[in-house]
């Protein structure tokens, strides 16, 4: 996964999978999902990110540990 914040456009983009965008859909104002030719979401764009995210330049990454079977 890749996260890109563009200061000039104030856009936060989360890229889940590389691939060519075949279709985009604004699911709510300022939130756009991009789909590949198979209809799977490959990225999400958040417009006016600084108004919707506390600090779009800060990223916190967390891995949750899987519980082992007993």
PDB file of N, CA and C in Angstrom:
ATOM      1  N   UNK A   1       0.846  -1.167   0.000  1.00  0.00           N
ATOM      2  CA  UNK A   1       0.000   0.000   0.000  1.00  0.00           C
ATOM      3  C   UNK A   1       0.896   1.236   0.000  1.00  0.00           C
ATOM      4  N   UNK A   2       0.433   2.253  -0.688  1.00  0.00           N
ATOM      5  CA  UNK A   2       1.184   3.499  -0.789  1.00  0.00           C
ATOM      6  C   UNK A   2       0.256   4.648  -0.384  1.00  0.00           C
ATOM      7  N   UNK A   3       0.810   5.610   0.362  1.00  0.00           N
ATOM      8  CA  UNK A   3       0.056   6.780   0.788  1.00  0.00           C
ATOM      9  C   UNK A   3       0.773   8.013   0.250  1.00  0.00           C
ATOM     10  N   UNK A   4       0.016   8.878  -0.436  1.00  0.00           N
ATOM     11  CA  UNK A   4       0.596  10.081  -1.026  1.00  0.00           C
ATOM     12  C   UNK A   4      -0.242  11.287  -0.611  1.00  0.00           C
ATOM     13  N   UNK A   5       0.437  12.306  -0.074  1.00  0.00           N
ATOM     14  CA  UNK A   5      -0.251  13.563   0.218  1.00  0.00           C
ATOM     15  C   UNK A   5       0.339  14.631  -0.680  1.00  0.00           C
ATOM     16  N   UNK A   6      -0.516  15.318  -1.423  1.00  0.00           N
ATOM     17  CA  UNK A   6      -0.097  16.388  -2.318  1.00  0.00           C
ATOM     18  C   UNK A   6      -0.483  17.718  -1.695  1.00  0.00           C
ATOM     19  N   UNK A   7       0.533  18.469  -1.253  1.00  0.00           N
ATOM     20  CA  UNK A   7       0.329  19.768  -0.609  1.00  0.00           C
ATOM     21  C   UNK A   7      -0.386  20.770  -1.516  1.00  0.00           C
ATOM     22  N   UNK A   8      -0.009  20.775  -2.788  1.00  0.00           N
ATOM     23  CA  UNK A   8      -0.567  21.754  -3.724  1.00  0.00           C
ATOM     24  C   UNK A   8      -2.063  21.567  -3.939  1.00  0.00           C
ATOM     25  N   UNK A   9      -2.498  20.324  -4.065  1.00  0.00           N
ATOM     26  CA  UNK A   9      -3.919  20.064  -4.320  1.00  0.00           C
ATOM     27  C   UNK A   9      -4.684  19.688  -3.062  1.00  0.00           C
ATOM     28  N   UNK A  10      -3.959  19.541  -1.935  1.00  0.00           N
ATOM     29  CA  UNK A  10      -4.548  19.115  -0.662  1.00  0.00           C
ATOM     30  C   UNK A  10      -5.333  17.814  -0.834  1.00  0.00           C
ATOM     31  N   UNK A  11      -4.675  16.872  -1.504  1.00  0.00           N
ATOM     32  CA  UNK A  11      -5.290  15.576  -1.793  1.00  0.00           C
ATOM     33  C   UNK A  11      -4.490  14.463  -1.128  1.00  0.00           C
ATOM     34  N   UNK A  12      -5.192  13.584  -0.438  1.00  0.00           N
ATOM     35  CA  UNK A  12      -4.594  12.414   0.185  1.00  0.00           C
ATOM     36  C   UNK A  12      -5.031  11.196  -0.622  1.00  0.00           C
ATOM     37  N   UNK A  13      -4.069  10.431  -1.117  1.00  0.00           N
ATOM     38  CA  UNK A  13      -4.369   9.265  -1.942  1.00  0.00           C
ATOM     39  C   UNK A  13      -3.807   8.017  -1.285  1.00  0.00           C
ATOM     40  N   UNK A  14      -4.649   7.002  -1.163  1.00  0.00           N
ATOM     41  CA  UNK A  14      -4.228   5.697  -0.660  1.00  0.00           C
ATOM     42  C   UNK A  14      -4.318   4.725  -1.826  1.00  0.00           C
ATOM     43  N   UNK A  15      -3.183   4.148  -2.193  1.00  0.00           N
ATOM     44  CA  UNK A  15      -3.137   3.204  -3.304  1.00  0.00           C
ATOM     45  C   UNK A  15      -3.014   1.807  -2.713  1.00  0.00           C
ATOM     46  N   UNK A  16      -4.037   0.996  -2.925  1.00  0.00           N
ATOM     47  CA  UNK A  16      -4.080  -0.355  -2.366  1.00  0.00           C
ATOM     48  C   UNK A  16      -3.379  -1.357  -3.269  1.00  0.00           C
ATOM     49  N   UNK A  17      -3.552  -1.215  -4.563  1.00  0.00           N
ATOM     50  CA  UNK A  17      -2.940  -2.100  -5.548  1.00  0.00           C
ATOM     51  C   UNK A  17      -2.566  -1.289  -6.772  1.00  0.00           C
ATOM     52  N   UNK A  18      -1.408  -1.603  -7.364  1.00  0.00           N
ATOM     53  CA  UNK A  18      -1.041  -0.949  -8.615  1.00  0.00           C
ATOM     54  C   UNK A  18      -1.953  -1.454  -9.715  1.00  0.00           C
ATOM     55  N   UNK A  19      -2.204  -0.619 -10.659  1.00  0.00           N
ATOM     56  CA  UNK A  19      -3.030  -1.023 -11.786  1.00  0.00           C
ATOM     57  C   UNK A  19      -3.624   0.187 -12.462  1.00  0.00           C
ATOM     58  N   UNK A  20      -4.189  -0.054 -13.609  1.00  0.00           N
ATOM     59  CA  UNK A  20      -4.806   1.009 -14.393  1.00  0.00           C
ATOM     60  C   UNK A  20      -6.218   1.271 -13.867  1.00  0.00           C
ATOM     61  N   UNK A  21      -6.538   2.545 -13.676  1.00  0.00           N
ATOM     62  CA  UNK A  21      -7.875   2.930 -13.235  1.00  0.00           C
ATOM     63  C   UNK A  21      -8.820   2.888 -14.434  1.00  0.00           C
ATOM     64  N   UNK A  22      -9.887   2.103 -14.294  1.00  0.00           N
ATOM     65  CA  UNK A  22     -10.872   1.997 -15.360  1.00  0.00           C
ATOM     66  C   UNK A  22     -12.099   2.860 -15.092  1.00  0.00           C
ATOM     67  N   UNK A  23     -12.367   3.094 -13.802  1.00  0.00           N
ATOM     68  CA  UNK A  23     -13.569   3.845 -13.433  1.00  0.00           C
ATOM     69  C   UNK A  23     -13.341   4.493 -12.073  1.00  0.00           C
ATOM     70  N   UNK A  24     -13.962   5.646 -11.866  1.00  0.00           N
ATOM     71  CA  UNK A  24     -13.912   6.337 -10.577  1.00  0.00           C
ATOM     72  C   UNK A  24     -15.322   6.689 -10.161  1.00  0.00           C
ATOM     73  N   UNK A  25     -15.544   6.696  -8.852  1.00  0.00           N
ATOM     74  CA  UNK A  25     -16.873   6.996  -8.326  1.00  0.00           C
ATOM     75  C   UNK A  25     -16.718   7.843  -7.069  1.00  0.00           C
ATOM     76  N   UNK A  26     -17.362   9.001  -7.041  1.00  0.00           N
ATOM     77  CA  UNK A  26     -17.340   9.846  -5.846  1.00  0.00           C
ATOM     78  C   UNK A  26     -18.437   9.332  -4.919  1.00  0.00           C
ATOM     79  N   UNK A  27     -18.049   8.533  -3.918  1.00  0.00           N
ATOM     80  CA  UNK A  27     -19.026   7.872  -3.057  1.00  0.00           C
ATOM     81  C   UNK A  27     -19.665   8.828  -2.053  1.00  0.00           C
ATOM     82  N   UNK A  28     -18.961   9.899  -1.739  1.00  0.00           N
ATOM     83  CA  UNK A  28     -19.515  11.011  -0.978  1.00  0.00           C
ATOM     84  C   UNK A  28     -18.686  12.226  -1.346  1.00  0.00           C
ATOM     85  N   UNK A  29     -19.149  13.398  -1.002  1.00  0.00           N
ATOM     86  CA  UNK A  29     -18.466  14.608  -1.417  1.00  0.00           C
ATOM     87  C   UNK A  29     -16.995  14.594  -0.989  1.00  0.00           C
ATOM     88  N   UNK A  30     -16.102  14.649  -1.984  1.00  0.00           N
ATOM     89  CA  UNK A  30     -14.679  14.708  -1.717  1.00  0.00           C
ATOM     90  C   UNK A  30     -13.993  13.385  -1.465  1.00  0.00           C
ATOM     91  N   UNK A  31     -14.712  12.259  -1.600  1.00  0.00           N
ATOM     92  CA  UNK A  31     -14.108  10.931  -1.421  1.00  0.00           C
ATOM     93  C   UNK A  31     -14.352  10.111  -2.688  1.00  0.00           C
ATOM     94  N   UNK A  32     -13.262   9.797  -3.368  1.00  0.00           N
ATOM     95  CA  UNK A  32     -13.347   9.138  -4.662  1.00  0.00           C
ATOM     96  C   UNK A  32     -12.681   7.771  -4.601  1.00  0.00           C
ATOM     97  N   UNK A  33     -13.404   6.758  -5.054  1.00  0.00           N
ATOM     98  CA  UNK A  33     -12.843   5.413  -5.165  1.00  0.00           C
ATOM     99  C   UNK A  33     -12.506   5.151  -6.626  1.00  0.00           C
ATOM    100  N   UNK A  34     -11.343   4.556  -6.863  1.00  0.00           N
ATOM    101  CA  UNK A  34     -10.897   4.207  -8.206  1.00  0.00           C
ATOM    102  C   UNK A  34     -10.914   2.685  -8.342  1.00  0.00           C
ATOM    103  N   UNK A  35     -11.442   2.211  -9.465  1.00  0.00           N
ATOM    104  CA  UNK A  35     -11.611   0.778  -9.704  1.00  0.00           C
ATOM    105  C   UNK A  35     -10.798   0.338 -10.921  1.00  0.00           C
ATOM    106  N   UNK A  36     -10.354  -0.923 -10.890  1.00  0.00           N
ATOM    107  CA  UNK A  36      -9.695  -1.489 -12.065  1.00  0.00           C
ATOM    108  C   UNK A  36     -10.757  -2.062 -13.003  1.00  0.00           C
ATOM    109  N   UNK A  37     -10.323  -2.684 -14.084  1.00  0.00           N
ATOM    110  CA  UNK A  37     -11.278  -3.205 -15.075  1.00  0.00           C
ATOM    111  C   UNK A  37     -12.071  -4.410 -14.575  1.00  0.00           C
ATOM    112  N   UNK A  38     -11.691  -4.962 -13.413  1.00  0.00           N
ATOM    113  CA  UNK A  38     -12.443  -6.073 -12.818  1.00  0.00           C
ATOM    114  C   UNK A  38     -13.406  -5.583 -11.738  1.00  0.00           C
ATOM    115  N   UNK A  39     -13.475  -4.256 -11.541  1.00  0.00           N
ATOM    116  CA  UNK A  39     -14.390  -3.689 -10.557  1.00  0.00           C
ATOM    117  C   UNK A  39     -13.861  -3.683  -9.134  1.00  0.00           C
ATOM    118  N   UNK A  40     -12.583  -3.977  -8.947  1.00  0.00           N
ATOM    119  CA  UNK A  40     -11.991  -3.980  -7.605  1.00  0.00           C
ATOM    120  C   UNK A  40     -11.405  -2.610  -7.290  1.00  0.00           C
ATOM    121  N   UNK A  41     -11.577  -2.166  -6.042  1.00  0.00           N
ATOM    122  CA  UNK A  41     -11.043  -0.878  -5.612  1.00  0.00           C
ATOM    123  C   UNK A  41      -9.524  -0.966  -5.572  1.00  0.00           C
ATOM    124  N   UNK A  42      -8.867  -0.035  -6.256  1.00  0.00           N
ATOM    125  CA  UNK A  42      -7.403  -0.022  -6.234  1.00  0.00           C
ATOM    126  C   UNK A  42      -6.845   1.211  -5.533  1.00  0.00           C
ATOM    127  N   UNK A  43      -7.668   2.267  -5.403  1.00  0.00           N
ATOM    128  CA  UNK A  43      -7.199   3.441  -4.675  1.00  0.00           C
ATOM    129  C   UNK A  43      -8.367   4.295  -4.200  1.00  0.00           C
ATOM    130  N   UNK A  44      -8.048   5.186  -3.251  1.00  0.00           N
ATOM    131  CA  UNK A  44      -9.032   6.111  -2.715  1.00  0.00           C
ATOM    132  C   UNK A  44      -8.397   7.486  -2.638  1.00  0.00           C
ATOM    133  N   UNK A  45      -9.122   8.502  -3.073  1.00  0.00           N
ATOM    134  CA  UNK A  45      -8.638   9.869  -3.012  1.00  0.00           C
ATOM    135  C   UNK A  45      -9.534  10.664  -2.069  1.00  0.00           C
ATOM    136  N   UNK A  46      -8.918  11.468  -1.244  1.00  0.00           N
ATOM    137  CA  UNK A  46      -9.644  12.335  -0.324  1.00  0.00           C
ATOM    138  C   UNK A  46      -9.279  13.768  -0.665  1.00  0.00           C
ATOM    139  N   UNK A  47     -10.251  14.512  -1.190  1.00  0.00           N
ATOM    140  CA  UNK A  47     -10.043  15.901  -1.558  1.00  0.00           C
ATOM    141  C   UNK A  47     -10.187  16.788  -0.331  1.00  0.00           C
ATOM    142  N   UNK A  48      -9.529  17.951  -0.331  1.00  0.00           N
ATOM    143  CA  UNK A  48      -9.536  18.859   0.827  1.00  0.00           C
ATOM    144  C   UNK A  48      -9.135  18.101   2.097  1.00  0.00           C
ATOM    145  N   UNK A  49      -8.093  17.311   1.985  1.00  0.00           N
ATOM    146  CA  UNK A  49      -7.674  16.402   3.053  1.00  0.00           C
ATOM    147  C   UNK A  49      -7.379  17.111   4.364  1.00  0.00           C
ATOM    148  N   UNK A  50      -6.765  18.275   4.315  1.00  0.00           N
ATOM    149  CA  UNK A  50      -6.396  18.965   5.553  1.00  0.00           C
ATOM    150  C   UNK A  50      -7.614  19.412   6.355  1.00  0.00           C
ATOM    151  N   UNK A  51      -8.773  19.460   5.719  1.00  0.00           N
ATOM    152  CA  UNK A  51     -10.001  19.824   6.425  1.00  0.00           C
ATOM    153  C   UNK A  51     -10.694  18.592   7.022  1.00  0.00           C
ATOM    154  N   UNK A  52     -10.269  17.388   6.584  1.00  0.00           N
ATOM    155  CA  UNK A  52     -10.949  16.158   6.994  1.00  0.00           C
ATOM    156  C   UNK A  52     -10.081  15.229   7.837  1.00  0.00           C
ATOM    157  N   UNK A  53      -8.762  15.432   7.774  1.00  0.00           N
ATOM    158  CA  UNK A  53      -7.817  14.579   8.495  1.00  0.00           C
ATOM    159  C   UNK A  53      -6.990  15.476   9.403  1.00  0.00           C
ATOM    160  N   UNK A  54      -6.781  15.026  10.630  1.00  0.00           N
ATOM    161  CA  UNK A  54      -6.070  15.848  11.611  1.00  0.00           C
ATOM    162  C   UNK A  54      -4.732  16.352  11.070  1.00  0.00           C
ATOM    163  N   UNK A  55      -3.905  15.477  10.548  1.00  0.00           N
ATOM    164  CA  UNK A  55      -2.624  15.856   9.962  1.00  0.00           C
ATOM    165  C   UNK A  55      -2.331  14.923   8.794  1.00  0.00           C
ATOM    166  N   UNK A  56      -2.687  15.340   7.576  1.00  0.00           N
ATOM    167  CA  UNK A  56      -2.527  14.440   6.422  1.00  0.00           C
ATOM    168  C   UNK A  56      -1.077  14.094   6.098  1.00  0.00           C
ATOM    169  N   UNK A  57      -0.110  14.796   6.706  1.00  0.00           N
ATOM    170  CA  UNK A  57       1.307  14.495   6.463  1.00  0.00           C
ATOM    171  C   UNK A  57       1.847  13.462   7.444  1.00  0.00           C
ATOM    172  N   UNK A  58       1.074  13.131   8.465  1.00  0.00           N
ATOM    173  CA  UNK A  58       1.507  12.178   9.488  1.00  0.00           C
ATOM    174  C   UNK A  58       0.873  10.821   9.223  1.00  0.00           C
ATOM    175  N   UNK A  59       1.701   9.788   9.250  1.00  0.00           N
ATOM    176  CA  UNK A  59       1.204   8.423   9.040  1.00  0.00           C
ATOM    177  C   UNK A  59       1.595   7.565  10.229  1.00  0.00           C
ATOM    178  N   UNK A  60       0.638   6.847  10.757  1.00  0.00           N
ATOM    179  CA  UNK A  60       0.891   5.883  11.815  1.00  0.00           C
ATOM    180  C   UNK A  60       0.530   4.511  11.253  1.00  0.00           C
ATOM    181  N   UNK A  61       1.442   3.587  11.368  1.00  0.00           N
ATOM    182  CA  UNK A  61       1.248   2.254  10.816  1.00  0.00           C
ATOM    183  C   UNK A  61       1.238   1.263  11.961  1.00  0.00           C
ATOM    184  N   UNK A  62       0.230   0.418  12.006  1.00  0.00           N
ATOM    185  CA  UNK A  62       0.107  -0.518  13.114  1.00  0.00           C
ATOM    186  C   UNK A  62      -0.204  -1.919  12.596  1.00  0.00           C
ATOM    187  N   UNK A  63       0.519  -2.888  13.108  1.00  0.00           N
ATOM    188  CA  UNK A  63       0.253  -4.295  12.806  1.00  0.00           C
ATOM    189  C   UNK A  63      -0.307  -4.941  14.058  1.00  0.00           C
ATOM    190  N   UNK A  64      -1.449  -5.564  13.931  1.00  0.00           N
ATOM    191  CA  UNK A  64      -2.019  -6.269  15.067  1.00  0.00           C
ATOM    192  C   UNK A  64      -1.539  -7.705  15.017  1.00  0.00           C
ATOM    193  N   UNK A  65      -1.133  -8.193  16.170  1.00  0.00           N
ATOM    194  CA  UNK A  65      -0.636  -9.560  16.237  1.00  0.00           C
ATOM    195  C   UNK A  65      -1.793 -10.543  16.140  1.00  0.00           C
ATOM    196  N   UNK A  66      -1.544 -11.623  15.421  1.00  0.00           N
ATOM    197  CA  UNK A  66      -2.557 -12.668  15.317  1.00  0.00           C
ATOM    198  C   UNK A  66      -2.474 -13.551  16.572  1.00  0.00           C
ATOM    199  N   UNK A  67      -3.624 -13.921  17.073  1.00  0.00           N
ATOM    200  CA  UNK A  67      -3.653 -14.818  18.227  1.00  0.00           C
ATOM    201  C   UNK A  67      -3.348 -16.223  17.749  1.00  0.00           C
ATOM    202  N   UNK A  68      -2.486 -16.900  18.491  1.00  0.00           N
ATOM    203  CA  UNK A  68      -2.137 -18.270  18.122  1.00  0.00           C
ATOM    204  C   UNK A  68      -3.180 -19.232  18.659  1.00  0.00           C
ATOM    205  N   UNK A  69      -3.495 -20.230  17.868  1.00  0.00           N
ATOM    206  CA  UNK A  69      -4.423 -21.268  18.291  1.00  0.00           C
ATOM    207  C   UNK A  69      -3.775 -22.103  19.392  1.00  0.00           C
ATOM    208  N   UNK A  70      -4.547 -22.469  20.384  1.00  0.00           N
ATOM    209  CA  UNK A  70      -4.024 -23.251  21.500  1.00  0.00           C
ATOM    210  C   UNK A  70      -4.336 -24.704  21.287  1.00  0.00           C
TER     211      UNK A  70
END
